[in-house]
C-alpha atoms as a PDB file:
ATOM      1  CA  MET A   1      -0.022  -0.084  -0.261  1.00  0.00           C
ATOM      2  CA  LYS A   2       2.946   2.289   1.110  1.00  0.00           C
ATOM      3  CA  SER A   3       4.180   1.372  -2.584  1.00  0.00           C
ATOM      4  CA  GLN A   4       1.246   2.159  -4.407  1.00  0.00           C
ATOM      5  CA  ILE A   5       0.992   6.431  -2.349  1.00  0.00           C
ATOM      6  CA  GLN A   6       4.300   6.522  -3.654  1.00  0.00           C
ATOM      7  CA  VAL A   7       4.180   5.916  -6.979  1.00  0.00           C
ATOM      8  CA  PHE A   8       0.510   7.772  -6.958  1.00  0.00           C
ATOM      9  CA  ILE A   9       2.472  10.730  -5.742  1.00  0.00           C
ATOM     10  CA  ILE A  10       5.322  10.529  -8.088  1.00  0.00           C
ATOM     11  CA  MET A  11       2.682  10.839 -11.135  1.00  0.00           C
ATOM     12  CA  CYS A  12       0.842  13.449  -9.773  1.00  0.00           C
ATOM     13  CA  THR A  13       4.200  15.604  -9.612  1.00  0.00           C
ATOM     14  CA  VAL A  14       5.147  14.518 -12.921  1.00  0.00           C
ATOM     15  CA  ALA A  15       1.638  15.730 -14.257  1.00  0.00           C
ATOM     16  CA  PHE A  16       1.413  18.926 -12.572  1.00  0.00           C
ATOM     17  CA  GLY A  17       5.620  19.789 -13.918  1.00  0.00           C
ATOM     18  CA  SER A  18       4.301  18.522 -17.615  1.00  0.00           C
ATOM     19  CA  PHE A  19       1.175  21.167 -17.309  1.00  0.00           C
ATOM     20  CA  THR A  20       3.414  24.190 -15.506  1.00  0.00           C
ATOM     21  CA  ASN A  21       6.508  23.952 -17.291  1.00  0.00           C
ATOM     22  CA  ALA A  22       5.148  23.000 -20.989  1.00  0.00           C
ATOM     23  CA  GLN A  23       3.447  25.196 -21.669  1.00  0.00           C
ATOM     24  CA  PRO A  24       4.199  26.739 -25.608  1.00  0.00           C
ATOM     25  CA  LYS A  25       6.534  29.425 -25.559  1.00  0.00           C
ATOM     26  CA  LEU A  26       4.639  31.395 -28.571  1.00  0.00           C
ATOM     27  CA  SER A  27       0.902  31.820 -28.491  1.00  0.00           C
ATOM     28  CA  ILE A  28      -1.711  33.459 -30.662  1.00  0.00           C
ATOM     29  CA  ASP A  29      -4.797  35.422 -29.727  1.00  0.00           C
ATOM     30  CA  MET A  30      -8.296  36.601 -30.603  1.00  0.00           C
ATOM     31  CA  GLY A  31     -10.730  38.586 -29.234  1.00  0.00           C
ATOM     32  CA  MET A  32     -12.286  41.726 -28.519  1.00  0.00           C
ATOM     33  CA  GLY A  33     -11.596  45.587 -26.443  1.00  0.00           C
ATOM     34  CA  PHE A  34     -13.966  47.773 -25.216  1.00  0.00           C
ATOM     35  CA  TYR A  35     -13.533  51.509 -24.550  1.00  0.00           C
ATOM     36  CA  GLU A  36     -15.423  54.662 -24.847  1.00  0.00           C
ATOM     37  CA  PRO A  37     -13.370  57.307 -26.991  1.00  0.00           C
ATOM     38  CA  ILE A  38     -14.707  60.639 -27.807  1.00  0.00           C
ATOM     39  CA  LEU A  39     -14.561  61.353 -31.468  1.00  0.00           C
ATOM     40  CA  THR A  40     -16.012  64.762 -31.906  1.00  0.00           C
ATOM     41  CA  GLY A  41     -15.060  65.254 -35.486  1.00  0.00           C
ATOM     42  CA  PHE A  42     -16.885  62.471 -36.606  1.00  0.00           C
ATOM     43  CA  ASP A  43     -20.323  62.648 -34.772  1.00  0.00           C
ATOM     44  CA  GLN A  44     -20.643  66.114 -34.819  1.00  0.00           C
ATOM     45  CA  ASN A  45     -19.378  66.096 -38.291  1.00  0.00           C
ATOM     46  CA  GLU A  46     -22.426  67.805 -40.517  1.00  0.00           C
ATOM     47  CA  GLY A  47     -20.928  66.918 -44.348  1.00  0.00           C
ATOM     48  CA  VAL A  48     -19.979  63.553 -44.187  1.00  0.00           C
ATOM     49  CA  GLN A  49     -22.377  61.271 -42.378  1.00  0.00           C
ATOM     50  CA  PHE A  50     -20.945  58.984 -40.838  1.00  0.00           C
ATOM     51  CA  PRO A  51     -23.242  55.958 -38.862  1.00  0.00           C
ATOM     52  CA  THR A  52     -25.401  57.321 -35.398  1.00  0.00           C
ATOM     53  CA  LYS A  53     -22.730  55.948 -32.756  1.00  0.00           C
ATOM     54  CA  SER A  54     -23.630  52.582 -31.296  1.00  0.00           C
ATOM     55  CA  LEU A  55     -21.548  49.839 -29.425  1.00  0.00           C
ATOM     56  CA  PHE A  56     -20.666  48.221 -32.871  1.00  0.00           C
ATOM     57  CA  ASN A  57     -18.866  51.694 -33.917  1.00  0.00           C
ATOM     58  CA  ARG A  58     -17.679  53.102 -31.003  1.00  0.00           C
ATOM     59  CA  ASN A  59     -16.549  51.003 -28.448  1.00  0.00           C
ATOM     60  CA  ILE A  60     -15.728  47.666 -29.662  1.00  0.00           C
ATOM     61  CA  LEU A  61     -12.376  46.984 -30.948  1.00  0.00           C
ATOM     62  CA  VAL A  62     -11.058  43.946 -33.333  1.00  0.00           C
ATOM     63  CA  ASN A  63      -7.999  42.693 -31.105  1.00  0.00           C
ATOM     64  CA  TRP A  64      -5.287  39.655 -32.216  1.00  0.00           C
ATOM     65  CA  GLY A  65      -1.452  39.529 -31.299  1.00  0.00           C
ATOM     66  CA  PHE A  66       0.622  37.140 -30.561  1.00  0.00           C
ATOM     67  CA  TYR A  67       3.433  36.713 -28.231  1.00  0.00           C
ATOM     68  CA  TYR A  68       6.982  34.834 -27.404  1.00  0.00           C
ATOM     69  CA  GLU A  69       8.049  33.892 -23.837  1.00  0.00           C
ATOM     70  CA  PHE A  70      11.976  35.104 -24.100  1.00  0.00           C
ATOM     71  CA  PHE A  71      12.216  34.430 -20.260  1.00  0.00           C
ATOM     72  CA  ASN A  72      10.791  32.408 -17.365  1.00  0.00           C
ATOM     73  CA  ASN A  73       7.401  34.487 -16.470  1.00  0.00           C
ATOM     74  CA  ALA A  74       8.082  36.916 -19.307  1.00  0.00           C
ATOM     75  CA  ARG A  75       6.785  38.008 -22.573  1.00  0.00           C
ATOM     76  CA  VAL A  76       7.395  39.861 -25.497  1.00  0.00           C
ATOM     77  CA  GLY A  77       5.424  40.307 -28.592  1.00  0.00           C
ATOM     78  CA  TYR A  78       2.475  42.211 -30.588  1.00  0.00           C
ATOM     79  CA  ASN A  79      -0.995  43.477 -30.287  1.00  0.00           C
ATOM     80  CA  SER A  80      -3.305  45.722 -32.685  1.00  0.00           C
ATOM     81  CA  PHE A  81      -7.013  47.057 -31.398  1.00  0.00           C
ATOM     82  CA  THR A  82      -8.971  48.200 -34.510  1.00  0.00           C
ATOM     83  CA  SER A  83     -12.422  49.972 -34.653  1.00  0.00           C
ATOM     84  CA  PHE A  84     -13.638  50.561 -37.995  1.00  0.00           C
ATOM     85  CA  GLU A  85     -16.956  52.688 -39.783  1.00  0.00           C
ATOM     86  CA  ILE A  86     -18.285  53.537 -42.978  1.00  0.00           C
ATOM     87  CA  GLY A  87     -20.008  57.148 -44.059  1.00  0.00           C
ATOM     88  CA  LYS A  88     -21.431  58.576 -46.605  1.00  0.00           C
ATOM     89  CA  ASN A  89     -21.402  62.485 -48.204  1.00  0.00           C
ATOM     90  CA  VAL A  90     -24.684  63.685 -47.529  1.00  0.00           C
ATOM     91  CA  LEU A  91     -24.359  67.659 -48.449  1.00  0.00           C
ATOM     92  CA  LEU A  92     -22.990  66.578 -52.057  1.00  0.00           C
ATOM     93  CA  PRO A  93     -26.369  63.963 -52.879  1.00  0.00           C
ATOM     94  CA  GLU A  94     -24.509  63.570 -56.276  1.00  0.00           C
ATOM     95  CA  SER A  95     -21.688  62.316 -54.962  1.00  0.00           C
ATOM     96  CA  LYS A  96     -21.491  58.973 -54.874  1.00  0.00           C
ATOM     97  CA  ALA A  97     -18.265  58.378 -52.865  1.00  0.00           C
ATOM     98  CA  ALA A  98     -17.977  56.283 -49.764  1.00  0.00           C
ATOM     99  CA  TYR A  99     -16.058  57.081 -46.946  1.00  0.00           C
ATOM    100  CA  SER A 100     -14.252  54.808 -43.933  1.00  0.00           C
ATOM    101  CA  ARG A 101     -12.187  54.909 -41.105  1.00  0.00           C
ATOM    102  CA  SER A 102     -10.405  53.131 -39.129  1.00  0.00           C
ATOM    103  CA  ILE A 103      -8.523  53.612 -35.749  1.00  0.00           C
ATOM    104  CA  LYS A 104      -5.522  51.168 -35.260  1.00  0.00           C
ATOM    105  CA  TYR A 105      -4.182  51.173 -32.142  1.00  0.00           C
ATOM    106  CA  ARG A 106      -0.689  48.674 -32.299  1.00  0.00           C
ATOM    107  CA  MET A 107       0.753  47.639 -29.100  1.00  0.00           C
ATOM    108  CA  PHE A 108       4.266  46.264 -28.760  1.00  0.00           C
ATOM    109  CA  PRO A 109       3.661  44.521 -24.757  1.00  0.00           C
ATOM    110  CA  ILE A 110       6.412  43.575 -22.657  1.00  0.00           C
ATOM    111  CA  GLU A 111       4.395  41.046 -20.066  1.00  0.00           C
ATOM    112  CA  THR A 112       4.695  39.543 -16.758  1.00  0.00           C
ATOM    113  CA  TYR A 113       3.470  36.656 -15.014  1.00  0.00           C
ATOM    114  CA  PHE A 114       3.321  34.526 -12.307  1.00  0.00           C
ATOM    115  CA  ARG A 115       0.995  31.447 -11.316  1.00  0.00           C
ATOM    116  CA  TRP A 116      -1.596  32.358  -8.676  1.00  0.00           C
ATOM    117  CA  LYS A 117      -2.992  28.453  -9.040  1.00  0.00           C
ATOM    118  CA  PRO A 118      -1.818  25.505 -11.573  1.00  0.00           C
ATOM    119  CA  LYS A 119      -4.833  26.822 -14.368  1.00  0.00           C
ATOM    120  CA  ILE A 120      -4.970  30.489 -12.989  1.00  0.00           C
ATOM    121  CA  GLU A 121      -2.121  33.802 -13.872  1.00  0.00           C
ATOM    122  CA  MET A 122      -2.148  36.445 -13.111  1.00  0.00           C
ATOM    123  CA  ASN A 123       0.149  38.967 -15.704  1.00  0.00           C
ATOM    124  CA  PHE A 124       0.732  42.781 -16.041  1.00  0.00           C
ATOM    125  CA  THR A 125       1.663  44.403 -19.330  1.00  0.00           C
ATOM    126  CA  LEU A 126       2.826  47.446 -20.152  1.00  0.00           C
ATOM    127  CA  ALA A 127       3.514  48.599 -23.976  1.00  0.00           C
ATOM    128  CA  PRO A 128       4.525  51.361 -26.204  1.00  0.00           C
ATOM    129  CA  ILE A 129       1.795  52.359 -28.878  1.00  0.00           C
ATOM    130  CA  TRP A 130       2.203  53.532 -32.670  1.00  0.00           C
ATOM    131  CA  GLY A 131      -1.506  54.176 -33.183  1.00  0.00           C
ATOM    132  CA  ARG A 132      -2.752  55.188 -36.973  1.00  0.00           C
ATOM    133  CA  GLY A 133      -5.767  56.874 -38.144  1.00  0.00           C
ATOM    134  CA  ARG A 134      -7.141  56.393 -41.594  1.00  0.00           C
ATOM    135  CA  ILE A 135      -9.370  57.459 -43.776  1.00  0.00           C
ATOM    136  CA  GLU A 136     -10.268  56.194 -46.831  1.00  0.00           C
ATOM    137  CA  ILE A 137     -12.799  57.567 -50.205  1.00  0.00           C
ATOM    138  CA  ASP A 138     -14.214  54.879 -52.853  1.00  0.00           C
ATOM    139  CA  THR A 139     -14.900  57.491 -55.903  1.00  0.00           C
ATOM    140  CA  THR A 140     -14.645  58.593 -59.128  1.00  0.00           C
ATOM    141  CA  PRO A 141     -11.229  60.132 -60.797  1.00  0.00           C
ATOM    142  CA  GLY A 142     -13.212  63.315 -62.121  1.00  0.00           C
ATOM    143  CA  ASP A 143     -14.480  63.945 -58.547  1.00  0.00           C
ATOM    144  CA  LYS A 144     -11.801  62.888 -56.393  1.00  0.00           C
ATOM    145  CA  GLU A 145     -10.116  66.098 -55.826  1.00  0.00           C
ATOM    146  CA  GLU A 146     -14.249  67.561 -55.107  1.00  0.00           C
ATOM    147  CA  ASP A 147     -14.782  64.396 -51.881  1.00  0.00           C
ATOM    148  CA  TRP A 148     -11.447  65.484 -50.627  1.00  0.00           C
ATOM    149  CA  ASP A 149     -11.563  69.121 -50.269  1.00  0.00           C
ATOM    150  CA  HIS A 150     -15.345  68.325 -49.408  1.00  0.00           C
ATOM    151  CA  VAL A 151     -14.109  66.401 -46.449  1.00  0.00           C
ATOM    152  CA  ILE A 152     -11.342  68.400 -44.906  1.00  0.00           C
ATOM    153  CA  THR A 153     -13.300  71.133 -44.854  1.00  0.00           C
ATOM    154  CA  SER A 154     -15.578  69.392 -43.091  1.00  0.00           C
ATOM    155  CA  PHE A 155     -13.418  68.430 -40.274  1.00  0.00           C
ATOM    156  CA  GLY A 156     -12.389  72.230 -40.577  1.00  0.00           C
ATOM    157  CA  GLY A 157      -9.526  72.389 -42.622  1.00  0.00           C
ATOM    158  CA  ASP A 158      -9.097  74.986 -45.849  1.00  0.00           C
ATOM    159  CA  SER A 159      -9.911  73.597 -48.884  1.00  0.00           C
ATOM    160  CA  ASP A 160      -7.017  75.059 -50.787  1.00  0.00           C
ATOM    161  CA  GLN A 161      -4.955  72.417 -48.561  1.00  0.00           C
ATOM    162  CA  LEU A 162      -4.519  70.125 -51.454  1.00  0.00           C
ATOM    163  CA  ASN A 163      -2.916  70.703 -54.951  1.00  0.00           C
ATOM    164  CA  ASP A 164      -2.715  68.024 -56.851  1.00  0.00           C
ATOM    165  CA  MET A 165      -3.976  64.733 -56.379  1.00  0.00           C
ATOM    166  CA  GLY A 166      -2.585  61.692 -57.481  1.00  0.00           C
ATOM    167  CA  ALA A 167      -4.153  57.729 -57.345  1.00  0.00           C
ATOM    168  CA  THR A 168      -4.039  56.617 -54.061  1.00  0.00           C
ATOM    169  CA  ASP A 169      -6.991  57.530 -51.873  1.00  0.00           C
ATOM    170  CA  ALA A 170      -6.353  57.728 -48.308  1.00  0.00           C
ATOM    171  CA  MET A 171      -6.148  60.089 -45.404  1.00  0.00           C
ATOM    172  CA  LEU A 172      -4.074  59.039 -43.092  1.00  0.00           C
ATOM    173  CA  ASN A 173      -2.469  60.322 -39.446  1.00  0.00           C
ATOM    174  CA  ASP A 174       0.060  58.599 -36.796  1.00  0.00           C
ATOM    175  CA  TRP A 175       0.900  58.987 -33.362  1.00  0.00           C
ATOM    176  CA  LEU A 176       2.696  57.741 -30.088  1.00  0.00           C
ATOM    177  CA  GLY A 177       1.301  56.413 -26.648  1.00  0.00           C
ATOM    178  CA  TYR A 178       1.487  53.759 -24.133  1.00  0.00           C
ATOM    179  CA  SER A 179      -0.582  51.590 -22.127  1.00  0.00           C
ATOM    180  CA  SER A 180      -0.804  49.795 -19.023  1.00  0.00           C
ATOM    181  CA  MET A 181      -2.923  46.451 -18.341  1.00  0.00           C
ATOM    182  CA  LEU A 182      -3.582  43.709 -15.432  1.00  0.00           C
ATOM    183  CA  GLY A 183      -5.017  41.009 -16.403  1.00  0.00           C
ATOM    184  CA  LEU A 184      -6.156  37.203 -15.254  1.00  0.00           C
ATOM    185  CA  ARG A 185      -5.479  34.196 -17.377  1.00  0.00           C
ATOM    186  CA  TYR A 186      -7.544  30.827 -17.252  1.00  0.00           C
ATOM    187  CA  TYR A 187      -6.011  27.776 -18.871  1.00  0.00           C
ATOM    188  CA  LEU A 188      -8.313  25.555 -20.457  1.00  0.00           C
ATOM    189  CA  SER A 189      -5.201  23.136 -21.349  1.00  0.00           C
ATOM    190  CA  SER A 190      -1.448  23.315 -21.472  1.00  0.00           C
ATOM    191  CA  ARG A 191      -2.610  25.162 -25.203  1.00  0.00           C
ATOM    192  CA  MET A 192      -5.452  27.277 -24.461  1.00  0.00           C
ATOM    193  CA  ALA A 193      -6.724  29.621 -22.304  1.00  0.00           C
ATOM    194  CA  ILE A 194      -9.420  32.322 -21.723  1.00  0.00           C
ATOM    195  CA  ASP A 195      -7.288  35.718 -21.035  1.00  0.00           C
ATOM    196  CA  ILE A 196      -9.259  39.440 -19.231  1.00  0.00           C
ATOM    197  CA  LYS A 197      -7.462  41.531 -18.883  1.00  0.00           C
ATOM    198  CA  GLY A 198      -8.309  45.724 -17.962  1.00  0.00           C
ATOM    199  CA  GLY A 199      -6.250  48.897 -17.644  1.00  0.00           C
ATOM    200  CA  PHE A 200      -5.249  52.314 -19.647  1.00  0.00           C
ATOM    201  CA  MET A 201      -3.859  53.517 -23.080  1.00  0.00           C
ATOM    202  CA  ASN A 202      -2.721  57.073 -23.330  1.00  0.00           C
ATOM    203  CA  ASN A 203      -2.320  58.602 -27.079  1.00  0.00           C
ATOM    204  CA  PHE A 204      -0.645  61.667 -28.050  1.00  0.00           C
ATOM    205  CA  TYR A 205      -3.067  62.201 -31.010  1.00  0.00           C
ATOM    206  CA  ASN A 206      -2.647  65.547 -33.276  1.00  0.00           C
ATOM    207  CA  GLU A 207      -5.856  66.417 -35.219  1.00  0.00           C
ATOM    208  CA  GLU A 208      -3.434  68.525 -37.423  1.00  0.00           C
ATOM    209  CA  SER A 209      -0.868  66.147 -38.590  1.00  0.00           C
ATOM    210  CA  TRP A 210      -3.141  63.896 -41.105  1.00  0.00           C
ATOM    211  CA  ARG A 211      -1.942  63.944 -44.920  1.00  0.00           C
ATOM    212  CA  VAL A 212      -3.205  62.776 -48.241  1.00  0.00           C
ATOM    213  CA  GLN A 213      -0.387  61.806 -49.913  1.00  0.00           C
ATOM    214  CA  ARG A 214       2.359  63.684 -47.951  1.00  0.00           C
ATOM    215  CA  GLN A 215       0.199  67.004 -48.056  1.00  0.00           C
ATOM    216  CA  LYS A 216      -0.596  68.139 -44.575  1.00  0.00           C
ATOM    217  CA  VAL A 217      -3.960  68.679 -43.481  1.00  0.00           C
ATOM    218  CA  ASN A 218      -6.655  68.785 -40.701  1.00  0.00           C
ATOM    219  CA  GLY A 219      -8.474  65.911 -39.746  1.00  0.00           C
ATOM    220  CA  PRO A 220     -11.238  65.036 -36.998  1.00  0.00           C
ATOM    221  CA  LYS A 221     -11.287  66.150 -33.207  1.00  0.00           C
ATOM    222  CA  MET A 222     -10.983  63.017 -31.244  1.00  0.00           C
ATOM    223  CA  LYS A 223      -9.938  62.482 -27.715  1.00  0.00           C
ATOM    224  CA  ILE A 224      -8.227  59.377 -26.880  1.00  0.00           C
ATOM    225  CA  ASP A 225      -6.077  59.871 -24.288  1.00  0.00           C
ATOM    226  CA  ASP A 226      -6.329  58.529 -20.743  1.00  0.00           C
ATOM    227  CA  LEU A 227      -8.857  55.909 -22.143  1.00  0.00           C
ATOM    228  CA  PRO A 228      -9.829  52.672 -20.110  1.00  0.00           C
ATOM    229  CA  ILE A 229      -9.832  49.874 -21.961  1.00  0.00           C
ATOM    230  CA  PHE A 230     -10.702  46.357 -21.357  1.00  0.00           C
ATOM    231  CA  SER A 231     -10.009  43.375 -23.499  1.00  0.00           C
ATOM    232  CA  MET A 232     -11.047  39.936 -23.556  1.00  0.00           C
ATOM    233  CA  LYS A 233      -9.441  36.791 -25.663  1.00  0.00           C
ATOM    234  CA  PHE A 234      -9.226  33.367 -26.755  1.00  0.00           C
ATOM    235  CA  VAL A 235      -5.488  31.856 -26.338  1.00  0.00           C
ATOM    236  CA  TYR A 236      -3.762  29.237 -28.437  1.00  0.00           C
ATOM    237  CA  GLY A 237      -0.525  27.891 -27.746  1.00  0.00           C
ATOM    238  CA  ILE A 238       1.546  27.027 -30.994  1.00  0.00           C
ATOM    239  CA  ARG A 239       4.824  25.712 -29.807  1.00  0.00           C
END
């Protein structure tokens, strides 16, 4: 009987060790985030009609990323949160241009963690942010310059900010920021887990730093600094 107990203890030790030590170093994750930005330039724009703000086009962020465990209890990776919507021109009904905008928060996190229990992990994440706003117009070559002049003036810019237009139709803005988050991860198995995080991000956005084909123009007013953010995602270990 004593020998059987010893064998059972050894088997439990081996099983526990394989679960805690054989975690894949490379993992991918997919999920969603939630935050509450103030997008004044879109919500109060009288020229370009974007959809009435709702949970899906204002507060929900599509999230994906990957991580690599480079040291015991430490990971580094890439994480992307994206918001997207489509609008139309209401003051120029003869124009068939379609407007779309996306706001992407690209994070490069460093994450530390520890096992509170065999299947429960606590983690802490710090991440610099490379943010990008993008506004696109799906229009015809003949209407291109007029449509772009209209959308820029609707954000408070001047119609003479643009000179000659080429073939690319995209209005871009890049900025830097940072994020800090606390998380809780529950392991469904040695390869699969559910991860919930909460924290904040701060973005140094400047509405006057938008550009169209290297020409500087005014863009929408957005308050995206000091934002609380929450995320929930599914994690899968690759190897």
